[in-house]
N, C-alpha and C. Protein backbone atom coordinates (compact mmCIF):
# COMPACT_ATOMS: atom_id res chain seq x y z
N MET A 1 4.94 71.35 -6.92
CA MET A 1 5.88 70.32 -6.51
C MET A 1 5.20 69.28 -5.63
N HIS A 2 4.35 69.78 -4.72
CA HIS A 2 3.63 68.87 -3.84
C HIS A 2 2.68 67.96 -4.64
N ALA A 3 2.06 68.54 -5.69
CA ALA A 3 1.13 67.78 -6.53
C ALA A 3 1.88 66.69 -7.30
N ASN A 4 3.08 67.01 -7.80
CA ASN A 4 3.87 66.01 -8.53
C ASN A 4 4.29 64.86 -7.62
N ARG A 5 4.65 65.19 -6.42
CA ARG A 5 5.06 64.15 -5.46
C ARG A 5 3.88 63.24 -5.11
N LEU A 6 2.70 63.83 -4.96
CA LEU A 6 1.49 63.06 -4.66
C LEU A 6 1.16 62.13 -5.83
N ARG A 7 1.24 62.66 -7.08
CA ARG A 7 0.99 61.83 -8.26
C ARG A 7 1.97 60.67 -8.35
N LEU A 8 3.22 60.95 -8.10
CA LEU A 8 4.25 59.91 -8.15
C LEU A 8 3.98 58.83 -7.09
N THR A 9 3.62 59.25 -5.89
CA THR A 9 3.32 58.30 -4.82
C THR A 9 2.12 57.44 -5.19
N LEU A 10 1.06 58.07 -5.72
CA LEU A 10 -0.13 57.32 -6.12
C LEU A 10 0.19 56.33 -7.25
N CYS A 11 1.00 56.76 -8.20
CA CYS A 11 1.39 55.85 -9.29
C CYS A 11 2.19 54.66 -8.77
N LEU A 12 3.12 54.92 -7.87
CA LEU A 12 3.92 53.83 -7.32
C LEU A 12 3.07 52.85 -6.51
N VAL A 13 2.16 53.37 -5.69
CA VAL A 13 1.27 52.51 -4.91
C VAL A 13 0.39 51.69 -5.84
N SER A 14 -0.15 52.32 -6.89
CA SER A 14 -0.99 51.59 -7.85
C SER A 14 -0.19 50.49 -8.55
N LEU A 15 1.04 50.81 -8.92
CA LEU A 15 1.89 49.83 -9.58
C LEU A 15 2.19 48.65 -8.66
N ILE A 16 2.48 48.92 -7.41
CA ILE A 16 2.76 47.85 -6.44
C ILE A 16 1.54 46.97 -6.25
N VAL A 17 0.36 47.58 -6.14
CA VAL A 17 -0.87 46.80 -5.96
C VAL A 17 -1.13 45.92 -7.19
N CYS A 18 -0.93 46.48 -8.38
CA CYS A 18 -1.15 45.70 -9.60
C CYS A 18 -0.16 44.55 -9.72
N LEU A 19 1.09 44.81 -9.42
CA LEU A 19 2.10 43.75 -9.53
C LEU A 19 1.91 42.67 -8.47
N ALA A 20 1.37 43.02 -7.33
CA ALA A 20 1.14 42.02 -6.29
C ALA A 20 0.12 40.98 -6.74
N GLY A 21 -0.82 41.38 -7.57
CA GLY A 21 -1.83 40.45 -8.06
C GLY A 21 -1.38 39.64 -9.26
N CYS A 22 -0.20 39.91 -9.79
CA CYS A 22 0.28 39.24 -11.00
C CYS A 22 1.12 38.00 -10.72
N GLY A 23 1.39 37.69 -9.48
CA GLY A 23 2.22 36.54 -9.15
C GLY A 23 1.51 35.23 -9.45
N PRO A 24 2.25 34.14 -9.48
CA PRO A 24 1.62 32.84 -9.74
C PRO A 24 0.65 32.49 -8.62
N GLN A 25 -0.53 32.08 -9.02
CA GLN A 25 -1.55 31.72 -8.03
C GLN A 25 -1.89 30.25 -8.19
N GLU A 26 -2.04 29.58 -7.08
CA GLU A 26 -2.39 28.17 -7.09
C GLU A 26 -3.90 28.06 -6.96
N ASP A 27 -4.53 27.33 -7.88
CA ASP A 27 -5.98 27.21 -7.78
C ASP A 27 -6.37 26.31 -6.61
N THR A 28 -7.62 26.39 -6.24
CA THR A 28 -8.11 25.66 -5.07
C THR A 28 -7.94 24.16 -5.23
N ALA A 29 -8.22 23.63 -6.42
CA ALA A 29 -8.13 22.18 -6.63
C ALA A 29 -6.69 21.70 -6.44
N THR A 30 -5.72 22.45 -6.94
CA THR A 30 -4.32 22.05 -6.78
C THR A 30 -3.91 22.09 -5.32
N ARG A 31 -4.34 23.13 -4.61
CA ARG A 31 -3.99 23.25 -3.20
C ARG A 31 -4.62 22.11 -2.40
N LYS A 32 -5.88 21.80 -2.67
CA LYS A 32 -6.55 20.72 -1.94
C LYS A 32 -5.90 19.38 -2.24
N ALA A 33 -5.50 19.15 -3.49
CA ALA A 33 -4.84 17.89 -3.85
C ALA A 33 -3.52 17.76 -3.10
N ARG A 34 -2.79 18.85 -3.00
CA ARG A 34 -1.52 18.82 -2.28
C ARG A 34 -1.74 18.54 -0.81
N GLU A 35 -2.86 19.00 -0.27
CA GLU A 35 -3.18 18.77 1.14
C GLU A 35 -3.78 17.39 1.38
N GLY A 36 -4.05 16.63 0.32
CA GLY A 36 -4.63 15.30 0.47
C GLY A 36 -6.14 15.34 0.67
N VAL A 37 -6.81 16.35 0.12
CA VAL A 37 -8.25 16.49 0.27
C VAL A 37 -8.90 16.23 -1.08
N LEU A 38 -9.92 15.38 -1.10
CA LEU A 38 -10.67 15.11 -2.31
C LEU A 38 -11.95 15.93 -2.27
N VAL A 39 -12.17 16.75 -3.27
CA VAL A 39 -13.36 17.59 -3.35
C VAL A 39 -14.19 17.09 -4.52
N ILE A 40 -15.45 16.76 -4.25
CA ILE A 40 -16.36 16.32 -5.30
C ILE A 40 -17.52 17.30 -5.36
N ASN A 41 -17.74 17.88 -6.52
CA ASN A 41 -18.84 18.82 -6.68
C ASN A 41 -20.07 18.05 -7.13
N ASN A 42 -21.06 17.98 -6.27
CA ASN A 42 -22.27 17.25 -6.60
C ASN A 42 -23.34 18.14 -7.21
N SER A 43 -23.18 19.42 -7.16
CA SER A 43 -24.06 20.43 -7.75
C SER A 43 -25.41 20.60 -7.06
N ALA A 44 -25.76 19.76 -6.12
CA ALA A 44 -27.02 19.92 -5.39
C ALA A 44 -26.94 19.14 -4.08
N GLU A 45 -27.87 19.42 -3.20
CA GLU A 45 -27.92 18.72 -1.92
C GLU A 45 -28.61 17.37 -2.10
N PRO A 46 -28.11 16.31 -1.46
CA PRO A 46 -28.78 15.01 -1.57
C PRO A 46 -30.10 15.02 -0.80
N SER A 47 -31.06 14.25 -1.29
CA SER A 47 -32.34 14.17 -0.59
C SER A 47 -32.24 13.27 0.63
N SER A 48 -31.29 12.32 0.62
CA SER A 48 -31.11 11.40 1.74
C SER A 48 -29.71 10.79 1.66
N LEU A 49 -29.18 10.39 2.80
CA LEU A 49 -27.93 9.63 2.83
C LEU A 49 -28.17 8.21 3.31
N ASP A 50 -29.42 7.83 3.43
CA ASP A 50 -29.79 6.47 3.80
C ASP A 50 -29.68 5.60 2.55
N PRO A 51 -28.79 4.59 2.56
CA PRO A 51 -28.61 3.76 1.36
C PRO A 51 -29.90 3.10 0.88
N GLN A 52 -30.87 2.90 1.77
CA GLN A 52 -32.13 2.27 1.37
C GLN A 52 -33.09 3.26 0.71
N GLN A 53 -32.82 4.55 0.82
CA GLN A 53 -33.76 5.54 0.30
C GLN A 53 -33.23 6.36 -0.87
N ILE A 54 -31.96 6.20 -1.21
CA ILE A 54 -31.43 7.02 -2.29
C ILE A 54 -32.03 6.59 -3.63
N THR A 55 -32.20 7.56 -4.51
CA THR A 55 -32.83 7.27 -5.79
C THR A 55 -32.03 7.72 -6.99
N GLY A 56 -30.96 8.45 -6.77
CA GLY A 56 -30.26 8.99 -7.92
C GLY A 56 -28.75 8.93 -7.80
N LEU A 57 -28.10 9.33 -8.87
CA LEU A 57 -26.64 9.33 -8.94
C LEU A 57 -26.04 10.30 -7.94
N LEU A 58 -26.72 11.42 -7.73
CA LEU A 58 -26.24 12.43 -6.79
C LEU A 58 -26.01 11.82 -5.41
N GLU A 59 -27.00 11.12 -4.89
CA GLU A 59 -26.88 10.49 -3.58
C GLU A 59 -25.93 9.30 -3.62
N ALA A 60 -25.96 8.54 -4.73
CA ALA A 60 -25.12 7.35 -4.84
C ALA A 60 -23.64 7.69 -4.76
N ARG A 61 -23.24 8.84 -5.33
CA ARG A 61 -21.83 9.25 -5.25
C ARG A 61 -21.40 9.44 -3.80
N ILE A 62 -22.24 10.08 -3.02
CA ILE A 62 -21.90 10.35 -1.63
C ILE A 62 -21.94 9.07 -0.81
N VAL A 63 -23.00 8.29 -0.96
CA VAL A 63 -23.17 7.07 -0.18
C VAL A 63 -22.05 6.07 -0.47
N SER A 64 -21.60 5.99 -1.72
CA SER A 64 -20.52 5.04 -2.03
C SER A 64 -19.22 5.42 -1.32
N GLY A 65 -19.06 6.67 -0.98
CA GLY A 65 -17.88 7.09 -0.22
C GLY A 65 -18.05 6.94 1.27
N LEU A 66 -19.29 6.77 1.73
CA LEU A 66 -19.55 6.65 3.17
C LEU A 66 -19.66 5.22 3.65
N PHE A 67 -20.17 4.34 2.80
CA PHE A 67 -20.45 2.97 3.22
C PHE A 67 -19.74 1.98 2.32
N GLU A 68 -19.30 0.88 2.91
CA GLU A 68 -18.68 -0.19 2.14
C GLU A 68 -19.69 -1.32 2.01
N GLY A 69 -19.85 -1.84 0.81
CA GLY A 69 -20.79 -2.92 0.59
C GLY A 69 -20.20 -4.28 0.92
N LEU A 70 -21.02 -5.32 0.81
CA LEU A 70 -20.53 -6.68 1.03
C LEU A 70 -19.43 -7.01 0.04
N MET A 71 -19.59 -6.54 -1.19
CA MET A 71 -18.58 -6.74 -2.23
C MET A 71 -18.27 -5.40 -2.86
N ILE A 72 -17.07 -5.28 -3.41
CA ILE A 72 -16.71 -4.12 -4.20
C ILE A 72 -16.28 -4.62 -5.56
N TYR A 73 -16.10 -3.73 -6.50
CA TYR A 73 -15.71 -4.14 -7.84
C TYR A 73 -14.28 -3.72 -8.12
N ASN A 74 -13.55 -4.63 -8.76
CA ASN A 74 -12.20 -4.31 -9.21
C ASN A 74 -12.33 -3.20 -10.24
N PRO A 75 -11.63 -2.08 -10.06
CA PRO A 75 -11.80 -0.95 -10.99
C PRO A 75 -11.35 -1.24 -12.42
N VAL A 76 -10.51 -2.24 -12.61
CA VAL A 76 -10.02 -2.56 -13.95
C VAL A 76 -10.89 -3.61 -14.62
N THR A 77 -11.14 -4.73 -13.91
CA THR A 77 -11.87 -5.85 -14.52
C THR A 77 -13.36 -5.85 -14.20
N LEU A 78 -13.77 -5.06 -13.22
CA LEU A 78 -15.15 -5.01 -12.73
C LEU A 78 -15.62 -6.34 -12.15
N GLU A 79 -14.68 -7.20 -11.82
CA GLU A 79 -15.01 -8.45 -11.14
C GLU A 79 -15.29 -8.15 -9.67
N PRO A 80 -16.25 -8.86 -9.05
CA PRO A 80 -16.50 -8.62 -7.62
C PRO A 80 -15.31 -9.05 -6.76
N MET A 81 -15.04 -8.23 -5.76
CA MET A 81 -13.96 -8.51 -4.80
C MET A 81 -14.55 -8.39 -3.40
N PRO A 82 -13.89 -8.98 -2.40
CA PRO A 82 -14.39 -8.86 -1.04
C PRO A 82 -14.45 -7.41 -0.58
N GLY A 83 -15.55 -7.07 0.07
CA GLY A 83 -15.70 -5.78 0.71
C GLY A 83 -15.80 -6.04 2.20
N VAL A 84 -17.00 -5.88 2.76
CA VAL A 84 -17.21 -6.24 4.16
C VAL A 84 -17.23 -7.76 4.29
N ALA A 85 -17.67 -8.43 3.23
CA ALA A 85 -17.69 -9.89 3.24
C ALA A 85 -16.33 -10.43 2.82
N GLU A 86 -15.79 -11.36 3.60
CA GLU A 86 -14.52 -12.02 3.24
C GLU A 86 -14.73 -12.97 2.07
N SER A 87 -15.86 -13.66 2.11
CA SER A 87 -16.16 -14.64 1.07
C SER A 87 -17.67 -14.80 0.98
N TRP A 88 -18.12 -15.45 -0.07
CA TRP A 88 -19.54 -15.67 -0.26
C TRP A 88 -19.75 -16.92 -1.10
N SER A 89 -20.93 -17.48 -0.97
CA SER A 89 -21.30 -18.65 -1.76
C SER A 89 -22.80 -18.61 -1.98
N SER A 90 -23.24 -19.35 -2.97
CA SER A 90 -24.68 -19.40 -3.24
C SER A 90 -25.13 -20.85 -3.29
N SER A 91 -26.42 -21.03 -3.07
CA SER A 91 -26.98 -22.38 -3.16
C SER A 91 -27.03 -22.80 -4.62
N ALA A 92 -27.27 -24.07 -4.84
CA ALA A 92 -27.28 -24.61 -6.21
C ALA A 92 -28.32 -23.91 -7.09
N ASP A 93 -29.46 -23.55 -6.50
CA ASP A 93 -30.51 -22.90 -7.29
C ASP A 93 -30.33 -21.37 -7.35
N GLY A 94 -29.32 -20.82 -6.65
CA GLY A 94 -29.04 -19.39 -6.68
C GLY A 94 -29.99 -18.54 -5.87
N LYS A 95 -30.85 -19.19 -5.06
CA LYS A 95 -31.83 -18.44 -4.28
C LYS A 95 -31.32 -18.02 -2.91
N VAL A 96 -30.29 -18.70 -2.41
CA VAL A 96 -29.75 -18.39 -1.09
C VAL A 96 -28.27 -18.05 -1.23
N TRP A 97 -27.91 -16.89 -0.75
CA TRP A 97 -26.51 -16.46 -0.74
C TRP A 97 -26.05 -16.36 0.69
N THR A 98 -24.84 -16.86 0.94
CA THR A 98 -24.26 -16.82 2.29
C THR A 98 -22.97 -16.00 2.22
N PHE A 99 -22.89 -15.01 3.10
CA PHE A 99 -21.70 -14.14 3.16
C PHE A 99 -21.01 -14.34 4.48
N LYS A 100 -19.68 -14.51 4.44
CA LYS A 100 -18.88 -14.58 5.66
C LYS A 100 -18.26 -13.20 5.85
N LEU A 101 -18.62 -12.54 6.96
CA LEU A 101 -18.18 -11.17 7.19
C LEU A 101 -16.79 -11.11 7.80
N ARG A 102 -16.07 -10.06 7.49
CA ARG A 102 -14.74 -9.85 8.07
C ARG A 102 -14.88 -9.70 9.58
N PRO A 103 -14.03 -10.36 10.36
CA PRO A 103 -14.11 -10.21 11.81
C PRO A 103 -13.70 -8.81 12.27
N THR A 104 -12.97 -8.07 11.45
CA THR A 104 -12.54 -6.72 11.83
C THR A 104 -13.54 -5.64 11.42
N ALA A 105 -14.64 -6.04 10.78
CA ALA A 105 -15.63 -5.05 10.34
C ALA A 105 -16.27 -4.38 11.55
N ARG A 106 -16.53 -3.08 11.41
CA ARG A 106 -17.14 -2.32 12.51
C ARG A 106 -18.50 -1.83 12.06
N TRP A 107 -19.45 -1.87 12.97
CA TRP A 107 -20.82 -1.47 12.66
C TRP A 107 -21.21 -0.32 13.58
N SER A 108 -22.00 0.58 13.04
CA SER A 108 -22.46 1.69 13.88
C SER A 108 -23.97 1.69 13.97
């Protein structure tokens, strides 16, 4: 009788443990999106985060999220739009470019 009770208890505990793992689980990406976190898998460590020294797409992905350029591109038309520069102009021969920077831009 004691052995039957032990078997029954073990079966019930095993069943409870198995059923506990069967509930709906939210994957990490869904949870992070709900929390407002963007996760980008770069698959390797960057060799540098200095915009003047990066050489590949791996570093460029990270640097583009860290620094704003003088101009940015419209994601639909790919036309240049103001970034840190409010406006820009070039000389007639195209050799000299003048950028007017946003007064609210911050530098570190």
